[in-house]
């Protein structure tokens, strides 16, 4: 049986570290990446059970990351984080299959 792997992608190291600590405290394995590109190039894409990503990052945004994963046939549940939410971001994520509660 494979273990659940939660991946955190955020350009800010303190956010990555805090989120990783939270995920591990809940009993899950966690891995972090400083950019969407680094994650996409990694072997962990295929092993990821859930992705937690910042929406706004240099290079590929969290929404761009979602698009790339979908285009490659990966159906990974994604939790988006942002300090600056707006309706266009929300609409783009939802159009690609996200939902909000």
C-alpha atoms as a PDB file:
ATOM      1  CA  UNK A   1       0.000   0.000   0.000  1.00  0.00           C
ATOM      2  CA  UNK A   2       1.427   3.367  -0.955  1.00  0.00           C
ATOM      3  CA  UNK A   3       1.574   6.203   1.525  1.00  0.00           C
ATOM      4  CA  UNK A   4      -0.298   9.462   1.095  1.00  0.00           C
ATOM      5  CA  UNK A   5       2.019  12.203  -0.131  1.00  0.00           C
ATOM      6  CA  UNK A   6       0.972  15.835   0.167  1.00  0.00           C
ATOM      7  CA  UNK A   7       3.061  18.215  -1.929  1.00  0.00           C
ATOM      8  CA  UNK A   8       3.367  21.909  -1.077  1.00  0.00           C
ATOM      9  CA  UNK A   9       4.420  24.345  -3.825  1.00  0.00           C
ATOM     10  CA  UNK A  10       5.074  27.912  -2.697  1.00  0.00           C
ATOM     11  CA  UNK A  11       7.802  30.419  -3.509  1.00  0.00           C
ATOM     12  CA  UNK A  12       8.047  31.549   0.121  1.00  0.00           C
ATOM     13  CA  UNK A  13      10.145  29.209   2.265  1.00  0.00           C
ATOM     14  CA  UNK A  14       8.487  30.117   5.605  1.00  0.00           C
ATOM     15  CA  UNK A  15       5.064  29.281   4.135  1.00  0.00           C
ATOM     16  CA  UNK A  16       6.369  25.986   2.732  1.00  0.00           C
ATOM     17  CA  UNK A  17       7.928  25.057   6.056  1.00  0.00           C
ATOM     18  CA  UNK A  18       4.854  25.959   8.115  1.00  0.00           C
ATOM     19  CA  UNK A  19       2.501  24.121   5.774  1.00  0.00           C
ATOM     20  CA  UNK A  20       4.773  21.073   5.716  1.00  0.00           C
ATOM     21  CA  UNK A  21       4.860  21.068   9.515  1.00  0.00           C
ATOM     22  CA  UNK A  22       1.049  21.224   9.650  1.00  0.00           C
ATOM     23  CA  UNK A  23       0.638  18.400   7.124  1.00  0.00           C
ATOM     24  CA  UNK A  24       3.131  16.205   8.979  1.00  0.00           C
ATOM     25  CA  UNK A  25       1.422  16.911  12.314  1.00  0.00           C
ATOM     26  CA  UNK A  26      -1.731  15.432  10.763  1.00  0.00           C
ATOM     27  CA  UNK A  27       0.149  12.218  10.014  1.00  0.00           C
ATOM     28  CA  UNK A  28       0.819  12.650   6.301  1.00  0.00           C
ATOM     29  CA  UNK A  29       4.064  12.589   4.377  1.00  0.00           C
ATOM     30  CA  UNK A  30       4.914  15.976   2.908  1.00  0.00           C
ATOM     31  CA  UNK A  31       7.298  17.271   0.308  1.00  0.00           C
ATOM     32  CA  UNK A  32       7.949  20.863  -0.725  1.00  0.00           C
ATOM     33  CA  UNK A  33       8.959  22.712  -3.868  1.00  0.00           C
ATOM     34  CA  UNK A  34       9.846  26.385  -4.327  1.00  0.00           C
ATOM     35  CA  UNK A  35       8.315  26.599  -7.788  1.00  0.00           C
ATOM     36  CA  UNK A  36       5.775  24.933 -10.042  1.00  0.00           C
ATOM     37  CA  UNK A  37       8.552  24.161 -12.545  1.00  0.00           C
ATOM     38  CA  UNK A  38      10.567  22.302  -9.907  1.00  0.00           C
ATOM     39  CA  UNK A  39       7.545  20.202  -9.002  1.00  0.00           C
ATOM     40  CA  UNK A  40       6.673  19.446 -12.639  1.00  0.00           C
ATOM     41  CA  UNK A  41      10.261  18.266 -13.266  1.00  0.00           C
ATOM     42  CA  UNK A  42      10.223  15.994 -10.220  1.00  0.00           C
ATOM     43  CA  UNK A  43       9.498  12.302  -9.984  1.00  0.00           C
ATOM     44  CA  UNK A  44       6.935  13.046  -7.259  1.00  0.00           C
ATOM     45  CA  UNK A  45       4.271  14.256  -9.687  1.00  0.00           C
ATOM     46  CA  UNK A  46       3.141  10.664 -10.165  1.00  0.00           C
ATOM     47  CA  UNK A  47       3.135   9.919  -6.421  1.00  0.00           C
ATOM     48  CA  UNK A  48       1.277  13.031  -5.244  1.00  0.00           C
ATOM     49  CA  UNK A  49      -2.038  12.383  -3.499  1.00  0.00           C
ATOM     50  CA  UNK A  50      -2.863  16.063  -2.931  1.00  0.00           C
ATOM     51  CA  UNK A  51      -1.230  19.334  -3.914  1.00  0.00           C
ATOM     52  CA  UNK A  52      -1.258  22.530  -1.875  1.00  0.00           C
ATOM     53  CA  UNK A  53      -0.077  25.488  -3.926  1.00  0.00           C
ATOM     54  CA  UNK A  54       0.090  29.238  -3.825  1.00  0.00           C
ATOM     55  CA  UNK A  55      -1.841  30.913  -6.622  1.00  0.00           C
ATOM     56  CA  UNK A  56       0.598  33.773  -7.191  1.00  0.00           C
ATOM     57  CA  UNK A  57       4.224  32.766  -7.729  1.00  0.00           C
ATOM     58  CA  UNK A  58       6.992  33.917 -10.061  1.00  0.00           C
ATOM     59  CA  UNK A  59       7.092  31.883 -13.252  1.00  0.00           C
ATOM     60  CA  UNK A  60       4.197  29.460 -13.384  1.00  0.00           C
ATOM     61  CA  UNK A  61       1.359  30.383 -11.053  1.00  0.00           C
ATOM     62  CA  UNK A  62      -0.647  27.822  -9.125  1.00  0.00           C
ATOM     63  CA  UNK A  63      -3.360  28.121 -11.769  1.00  0.00           C
ATOM     64  CA  UNK A  64      -0.769  27.531 -14.520  1.00  0.00           C
ATOM     65  CA  UNK A  65       0.392  24.482 -12.572  1.00  0.00           C
ATOM     66  CA  UNK A  66      -3.175  23.175 -12.525  1.00  0.00           C
ATOM     67  CA  UNK A  67      -3.378  23.640 -16.313  1.00  0.00           C
ATOM     68  CA  UNK A  68      -0.078  21.799 -16.878  1.00  0.00           C
ATOM     69  CA  UNK A  69      -1.123  18.882 -14.682  1.00  0.00           C
ATOM     70  CA  UNK A  70      -4.465  18.551 -16.460  1.00  0.00           C
ATOM     71  CA  UNK A  71      -2.756  18.727 -19.877  1.00  0.00           C
ATOM     72  CA  UNK A  72      -0.425  15.900 -18.813  1.00  0.00           C
ATOM     73  CA  UNK A  73      -3.345  13.761 -17.665  1.00  0.00           C
ATOM     74  CA  UNK A  74      -2.752  14.118 -13.922  1.00  0.00           C
ATOM     75  CA  UNK A  75      -5.885  14.325 -11.818  1.00  0.00           C
ATOM     76  CA  UNK A  76      -4.463  15.525  -8.503  1.00  0.00           C
ATOM     77  CA  UNK A  77      -6.726  17.228  -5.961  1.00  0.00           C
ATOM     78  CA  UNK A  78      -5.403  20.773  -5.447  1.00  0.00           C
ATOM     79  CA  UNK A  79      -5.835  23.165  -2.547  1.00  0.00           C
ATOM     80  CA  UNK A  80      -5.110  26.733  -3.642  1.00  0.00           C
ATOM     81  CA  UNK A  81      -3.784  29.347  -1.223  1.00  0.00           C
ATOM     82  CA  UNK A  82      -3.597  33.068  -1.853  1.00  0.00           C
ATOM     83  CA  UNK A  83      -3.329  36.292   0.062  1.00  0.00           C
ATOM     84  CA  UNK A  84      -4.959  38.186  -2.797  1.00  0.00           C
ATOM     85  CA  UNK A  85      -8.098  36.331  -3.922  1.00  0.00           C
ATOM     86  CA  UNK A  86     -10.126  37.689  -6.797  1.00  0.00           C
ATOM     87  CA  UNK A  87     -13.078  36.579  -8.879  1.00  0.00           C
ATOM     88  CA  UNK A  88     -11.097  35.963 -12.073  1.00  0.00           C
ATOM     89  CA  UNK A  89      -8.698  33.570 -10.310  1.00  0.00           C
ATOM     90  CA  UNK A  90     -11.610  31.745  -8.726  1.00  0.00           C
ATOM     91  CA  UNK A  91     -13.454  31.504 -12.059  1.00  0.00           C
ATOM     92  CA  UNK A  92     -10.353  30.169 -13.853  1.00  0.00           C
ATOM     93  CA  UNK A  93      -9.761  27.506 -11.208  1.00  0.00           C
ATOM     94  CA  UNK A  94     -13.399  26.462 -11.205  1.00  0.00           C
ATOM     95  CA  UNK A  95     -13.525  26.310 -15.011  1.00  0.00           C
ATOM     96  CA  UNK A  96     -10.641  23.815 -14.812  1.00  0.00           C
ATOM     97  CA  UNK A  97     -12.582  21.627 -12.379  1.00  0.00           C
ATOM     98  CA  UNK A  98     -12.089  23.186  -8.959  1.00  0.00           C
ATOM     99  CA  UNK A  99     -14.922  23.703  -6.554  1.00  0.00           C
ATOM    100  CA  UNK A 100     -15.322  25.799  -3.441  1.00  0.00           C
ATOM    101  CA  UNK A 101     -17.332  25.302  -0.316  1.00  0.00           C
END
